């Protein structure tokens, strides 16, 4: 199980915002990847990050 968590973290760390190519922050509570640069939150569904702008939630 620990290997899975470490692999997931490495995968999340390697992802960047598809709009700005800036790093993303992981919000474990909301299960989202946050792009502060683009003011978008990309959902994670079933453990899979959905990196489509049309699926992202706009941040205030």
PDB file of N, CA and C in Angstrom:
ATOM      1  N   UNK A   1       0.828  -1.196   0.000  1.00  0.00           N
ATOM      2  CA  UNK A   1       0.000   0.000   0.000  1.00  0.00           C
ATOM      3  C   UNK A   1       0.871   1.258   0.000  1.00  0.00           C
ATOM      4  N   UNK A   2       1.928   1.250   0.763  1.00  0.00           N
ATOM      5  CA  UNK A   2       2.811   2.414   0.823  1.00  0.00           C
ATOM      6  C   UNK A   2       3.417   2.703  -0.538  1.00  0.00           C
ATOM      7  N   UNK A   3       3.772   1.658  -1.290  1.00  0.00           N
ATOM      8  CA  UNK A   3       4.325   1.856  -2.629  1.00  0.00           C
ATOM      9  C   UNK A   3       3.331   2.555  -3.536  1.00  0.00           C
ATOM     10  N   UNK A   4       2.042   2.202  -3.401  1.00  0.00           N
ATOM     11  CA  UNK A   4       1.000   2.826  -4.213  1.00  0.00           C
ATOM     12  C   UNK A   4       0.887   4.306  -3.887  1.00  0.00           C
ATOM     13  N   UNK A   5       0.921   4.644  -2.608  1.00  0.00           N
ATOM     14  CA  UNK A   5       0.834   6.050  -2.191  1.00  0.00           C
ATOM     15  C   UNK A   5       2.024   6.826  -2.733  1.00  0.00           C
ATOM     16  N   UNK A   6       3.237   6.253  -2.645  1.00  0.00           N
ATOM     17  CA  UNK A   6       4.423   6.934  -3.149  1.00  0.00           C
ATOM     18  C   UNK A   6       4.357   7.090  -4.663  1.00  0.00           C
ATOM     19  N   UNK A   7       3.876   6.076  -5.360  1.00  0.00           N
ATOM     20  CA  UNK A   7       3.755   6.161  -6.815  1.00  0.00           C
ATOM     21  C   UNK A   7       2.747   7.226  -7.193  1.00  0.00           C
ATOM     22  N   UNK A   8       1.626   7.275  -6.467  1.00  0.00           N
ATOM     23  CA  UNK A   8       0.606   8.284  -6.732  1.00  0.00           C
ATOM     24  C   UNK A   8       1.161   9.689  -6.506  1.00  0.00           C
ATOM     25  N   UNK A   9       1.905   9.876  -5.444  1.00  0.00           N
ATOM     26  CA  UNK A   9       2.494  11.186  -5.159  1.00  0.00           C
ATOM     27  C   UNK A   9       3.467  11.594  -6.265  1.00  0.00           C
ATOM     28  N   UNK A  10       4.290  10.652  -6.708  1.00  0.00           N
ATOM     29  CA  UNK A  10       5.247  10.962  -7.776  1.00  0.00           C
ATOM     30  C   UNK A  10       4.511  11.315  -9.057  1.00  0.00           C
ATOM     31  N   UNK A  11       3.423  10.602  -9.343  1.00  0.00           N
ATOM     32  CA  UNK A  11       2.636  10.892 -10.539  1.00  0.00           C
ATOM     33  C   UNK A  11       2.018  12.285 -10.425  1.00  0.00           C
ATOM     34  N   UNK A  12       1.456  12.605  -9.274  1.00  0.00           N
ATOM     35  CA  UNK A  12       0.841  13.922  -9.089  1.00  0.00           C
ATOM     36  C   UNK A  12       1.875  15.031  -9.186  1.00  0.00           C
ATOM     37  N   UNK A  13       3.063  14.792  -8.639  1.00  0.00           N
ATOM     38  CA  UNK A  13       4.123  15.804  -8.693  1.00  0.00           C
ATOM     39  C   UNK A  13       4.606  16.052 -10.117  1.00  0.00           C
ATOM     40  N   UNK A  14       4.464  15.064 -10.984  1.00  0.00           N
ATOM     41  CA  UNK A  14       4.937  15.218 -12.358  1.00  0.00           C
ATOM     42  C   UNK A  14       3.930  15.931 -13.254  1.00  0.00           C
ATOM     43  N   UNK A  15       2.689  16.035 -12.801  1.00  0.00           N
ATOM     44  CA  UNK A  15       1.665  16.708 -13.601  1.00  0.00           C
ATOM     45  C   UNK A  15       1.813  18.220 -13.499  1.00  0.00           C
ATOM     46  N   UNK A  16       1.497  18.898 -14.588  1.00  0.00           N
ATOM     47  CA  UNK A  16       1.491  20.357 -14.609  1.00  0.00           C
ATOM     48  C   UNK A  16       0.163  20.826 -15.190  1.00  0.00           C
ATOM     49  N   UNK A  17      -0.136  22.070 -14.981  1.00  0.00           N
ATOM     50  CA  UNK A  17      -1.367  22.661 -15.508  1.00  0.00           C
ATOM     51  C   UNK A  17      -1.332  22.600 -17.039  1.00  0.00           C
ATOM     52  N   UNK A  18      -2.403  22.103 -17.658  1.00  0.00           N
ATOM     53  CA  UNK A  18      -2.431  22.047 -19.123  1.00  0.00           C
ATOM     54  C   UNK A  18      -2.537  23.424 -19.778  1.00  0.00           C
ATOM     55  N   UNK A  19      -2.904  24.433 -19.010  1.00  0.00           N
ATOM     56  CA  UNK A  19      -3.056  25.789 -19.547  1.00  0.00           C
ATOM     57  C   UNK A  19      -1.746  26.567 -19.436  1.00  0.00           C
ATOM     58  N   UNK A  20      -1.166  26.574 -18.236  1.00  0.00           N
ATOM     59  CA  UNK A  20       0.005  27.415 -17.966  1.00  0.00           C
ATOM     60  C   UNK A  20       1.316  26.634 -17.854  1.00  0.00           C
ATOM     61  N   UNK A  21       1.229  25.333 -17.722  1.00  0.00           N
ATOM     62  CA  UNK A  21       2.381  24.449 -17.501  1.00  0.00           C
ATOM     63  C   UNK A  21       3.050  24.695 -16.156  1.00  0.00           C
ATOM     64  N   UNK A  22       2.336  25.359 -15.253  1.00  0.00           N
ATOM     65  CA  UNK A  22       2.825  25.606 -13.902  1.00  0.00           C
ATOM     66  C   UNK A  22       2.550  24.372 -13.026  1.00  0.00           C
ATOM     67  N   UNK A  23       3.284  24.235 -11.926  1.00  0.00           N
ATOM     68  CA  UNK A  23       3.036  23.123 -11.004  1.00  0.00           C
ATOM     69  C   UNK A  23       1.622  23.187 -10.421  1.00  0.00           C
ATOM     70  N   UNK A  24       1.135  22.026 -10.004  1.00  0.00           N
ATOM     71  CA  UNK A  24      -0.192  21.922  -9.410  1.00  0.00           C
ATOM     72  C   UNK A  24      -0.063  21.582  -7.933  1.00  0.00           C
ATOM     73  N   UNK A  25      -1.022  22.048  -7.145  1.00  0.00           N
ATOM     74  CA  UNK A  25      -1.091  21.698  -5.726  1.00  0.00           C
ATOM     75  C   UNK A  25      -2.200  20.663  -5.552  1.00  0.00           C
ATOM     76  N   UNK A  26      -1.971  19.686  -4.682  1.00  0.00           N
ATOM     77  CA  UNK A  26      -2.942  18.630  -4.439  1.00  0.00           C
ATOM     78  C   UNK A  26      -3.812  18.985  -3.244  1.00  0.00           C
ATOM     79  N   UNK A  27      -5.115  18.997  -3.429  1.00  0.00           N
ATOM     80  CA  UNK A  27      -6.078  19.215  -2.346  1.00  0.00           C
ATOM     81  C   UNK A  27      -6.722  17.863  -2.048  1.00  0.00           C
ATOM     82  N   UNK A  28      -6.227  17.183  -1.008  1.00  0.00           N
ATOM     83  CA  UNK A  28      -6.694  15.835  -0.672  1.00  0.00           C
ATOM     84  C   UNK A  28      -8.158  15.835  -0.226  1.00  0.00           C
ATOM     85  N   UNK A  29      -8.569  16.869   0.491  1.00  0.00           N
ATOM     86  CA  UNK A  29      -9.946  16.926   0.992  1.00  0.00           C
ATOM     87  C   UNK A  29     -10.959  16.996  -0.149  1.00  0.00           C
ATOM     88  N   UNK A  30     -10.690  17.819  -1.133  1.00  0.00           N
ATOM     89  CA  UNK A  30     -11.609  17.984  -2.271  1.00  0.00           C
ATOM     90  C   UNK A  30     -11.298  17.064  -3.436  1.00  0.00           C
ATOM     91  N   UNK A  31     -10.174  16.349  -3.340  1.00  0.00           N
ATOM     92  CA  UNK A  31      -9.728  15.475  -4.427  1.00  0.00           C
ATOM     93  C   UNK A  31      -9.616  16.265  -5.735  1.00  0.00           C
ATOM     94  N   UNK A  32      -8.773  17.291  -5.682  1.00  0.00           N
ATOM     95  CA  UNK A  32      -8.548  18.165  -6.829  1.00  0.00           C
ATOM     96  C   UNK A  32      -7.069  18.506  -6.942  1.00  0.00           C
ATOM     97  N   UNK A  33      -6.669  18.839  -8.147  1.00  0.00           N
ATOM     98  CA  UNK A  33      -5.359  19.418  -8.397  1.00  0.00           C
ATOM     99  C   UNK A  33      -5.582  20.885  -8.719  1.00  0.00           C
ATOM    100  N   UNK A  34      -4.917  21.750  -7.983  1.00  0.00           N
ATOM    101  CA  UNK A  34      -5.149  23.193  -8.067  1.00  0.00           C
ATOM    102  C   UNK A  34      -4.060  23.863  -8.892  1.00  0.00           C
ATOM    103  N   UNK A  35      -4.494  24.633  -9.882  1.00  0.00           N
ATOM    104  CA  UNK A  35      -3.583  25.487 -10.642  1.00  0.00           C
ATOM    105  C   UNK A  35      -3.838  26.917 -10.199  1.00  0.00           C
ATOM    106  N   UNK A  36      -2.954  27.414  -9.359  1.00  0.00           N
ATOM    107  CA  UNK A  36      -3.116  28.802  -8.890  1.00  0.00           C
ATOM    108  C   UNK A  36      -2.890  29.783 -10.045  1.00  0.00           C
ATOM    109  N   UNK A  37      -1.996  29.425 -10.952  1.00  0.00           N
ATOM    110  CA  UNK A  37      -1.679  30.300 -12.087  1.00  0.00           C
ATOM    111  C   UNK A  37      -2.887  30.484 -13.010  1.00  0.00           C
ATOM    112  N   UNK A  38      -3.643  29.414 -13.241  1.00  0.00           N
ATOM    113  CA  UNK A  38      -4.804  29.482 -14.143  1.00  0.00           C
ATOM    114  C   UNK A  38      -6.114  29.683 -13.389  1.00  0.00           C
ATOM    115  N   UNK A  39      -6.050  29.665 -12.049  1.00  0.00           N
ATOM    116  CA  UNK A  39      -7.250  29.798 -11.206  1.00  0.00           C
ATOM    117  C   UNK A  39      -8.267  28.707 -11.528  1.00  0.00           C
ATOM    118  N   UNK A  40      -7.754  27.452 -11.638  1.00  0.00           N
ATOM    119  CA  UNK A  40      -8.595  26.305 -11.946  1.00  0.00           C
ATOM    120  C   UNK A  40      -8.302  25.160 -10.984  1.00  0.00           C
ATOM    121  N   UNK A  41      -9.327  24.335 -10.729  1.00  0.00           N
ATOM    122  CA  UNK A  41      -9.188  23.128  -9.927  1.00  0.00           C
ATOM    123  C   UNK A  41      -9.625  21.948 -10.785  1.00  0.00           C
ATOM    124  N   UNK A  42      -8.699  21.025 -11.017  1.00  0.00           N
ATOM    125  CA  UNK A  42      -8.972  19.857 -11.843  1.00  0.00           C
ATOM    126  C   UNK A  42      -9.376  18.694 -10.934  1.00  0.00           C
ATOM    127  N   UNK A  43     -10.500  18.051 -11.210  1.00  0.00           N
ATOM    128  CA  UNK A  43     -10.976  16.978 -10.329  1.00  0.00           C
ATOM    129  C   UNK A  43     -10.156  15.703 -10.485  1.00  0.00           C
ATOM    130  N   UNK A  44     -10.169  14.907  -9.418  1.00  0.00           N
ATOM    131  CA  UNK A  44      -9.603  13.561  -9.452  1.00  0.00           C
ATOM    132  C   UNK A  44     -10.780  12.623  -9.211  1.00  0.00           C
ATOM    133  N   UNK A  45     -11.076  11.790 -10.194  1.00  0.00           N
ATOM    134  CA  UNK A  45     -12.220  10.872 -10.096  1.00  0.00           C
ATOM    135  C   UNK A  45     -11.735   9.434 -10.184  1.00  0.00           C
ATOM    136  N   UNK A  46     -12.053   8.659  -9.179  1.00  0.00           N
ATOM    137  CA  UNK A  46     -11.623   7.263  -9.165  1.00  0.00           C
ATOM    138  C   UNK A  46     -10.114   7.128  -9.203  1.00  0.00           C
ATOM    139  N   UNK A  47      -9.424   8.112  -8.631  1.00  0.00           N
ATOM    140  CA  UNK A  47      -7.971   8.088  -8.599  1.00  0.00           C
ATOM    141  C   UNK A  47      -7.312   8.595  -9.872  1.00  0.00           C
ATOM    142  N   UNK A  48      -8.119   9.061 -10.827  1.00  0.00           N
ATOM    143  CA  UNK A  48      -7.588   9.533 -12.111  1.00  0.00           C
ATOM    144  C   UNK A  48      -7.770  11.045 -12.226  1.00  0.00           C
ATOM    145  N   UNK A  49      -6.667  11.793 -12.373  1.00  0.00           N
ATOM    146  CA  UNK A  49      -6.788  13.238 -12.563  1.00  0.00           C
ATOM    147  C   UNK A  49      -7.427  13.537 -13.927  1.00  0.00           C
ATOM    148  N   UNK A  50      -8.430  14.380 -13.926  1.00  0.00           N
ATOM    149  CA  UNK A  50      -9.108  14.794 -15.155  1.00  0.00           C
ATOM    150  C   UNK A  50      -8.533  16.158 -15.526  1.00  0.00           C
ATOM    151  N   UNK A  51      -7.630  16.156 -16.484  1.00  0.00           N
ATOM    152  CA  UNK A  51      -6.874  17.364 -16.821  1.00  0.00           C
ATOM    153  C   UNK A  51      -7.463  18.118 -18.013  1.00  0.00           C
ATOM    154  N   UNK A  52      -8.768  18.113 -18.113  1.00  0.00           N
ATOM    155  CA  UNK A  52      -9.460  18.822 -19.184  1.00  0.00           C
ATOM    156  C   UNK A  52      -9.978  20.154 -18.653  1.00  0.00           C
ATOM    157  N   UNK A  53      -9.734  21.218 -19.366  1.00  0.00           N
ATOM    158  CA  UNK A  53     -10.161  22.550 -18.937  1.00  0.00           C
ATOM    159  C   UNK A  53     -11.683  22.595 -18.794  1.00  0.00           C
ATOM    160  N   UNK A  54     -12.391  21.911 -19.682  1.00  0.00           N
ATOM    161  CA  UNK A  54     -13.859  21.900 -19.612  1.00  0.00           C
ATOM    162  C   UNK A  54     -14.388  21.232 -18.350  1.00  0.00           C
ATOM    163  N   UNK A  55     -13.587  20.382 -17.731  1.00  0.00           N
ATOM    164  CA  UNK A  55     -13.991  19.682 -16.503  1.00  0.00           C
ATOM    165  C   UNK A  55     -13.520  20.412 -15.242  1.00  0.00           C
ATOM    166  N   UNK A  56     -12.672  21.401 -15.396  1.00  0.00           N
ATOM    167  CA  UNK A  56     -12.096  22.108 -14.246  1.00  0.00           C
ATOM    168  C   UNK A  56     -13.106  23.075 -13.633  1.00  0.00           C
ATOM    169  N   UNK A  57     -12.939  23.266 -12.333  1.00  0.00           N
ATOM    170  CA  UNK A  57     -13.759  24.229 -11.599  1.00  0.00           C
ATOM    171  C   UNK A  57     -12.980  25.526 -11.519  1.00  0.00           C
ATOM    172  N   UNK A  58     -13.641  26.648 -11.798  1.00  0.00           N
ATOM    173  CA  UNK A  58     -12.985  27.953 -11.715  1.00  0.00           C
ATOM    174  C   UNK A  58     -12.869  28.367 -10.251  1.00  0.00           C
ATOM    175  N   UNK A  59     -11.702  28.876  -9.894  1.00  0.00           N
ATOM    176  CA  UNK A  59     -11.459  29.361  -8.539  1.00  0.00           C
ATOM    177  C   UNK A  59     -11.704  30.863  -8.488  1.00  0.00           C
ATOM    178  N   UNK A  60     -12.145  31.320  -7.354  1.00  0.00           N
ATOM    179  CA  UNK A  60     -12.387  32.764  -7.164  1.00  0.00           C
ATOM    180  C   UNK A  60     -11.109  33.529  -7.063  1.00  0.00           C
TER     181      UNK A  60
END
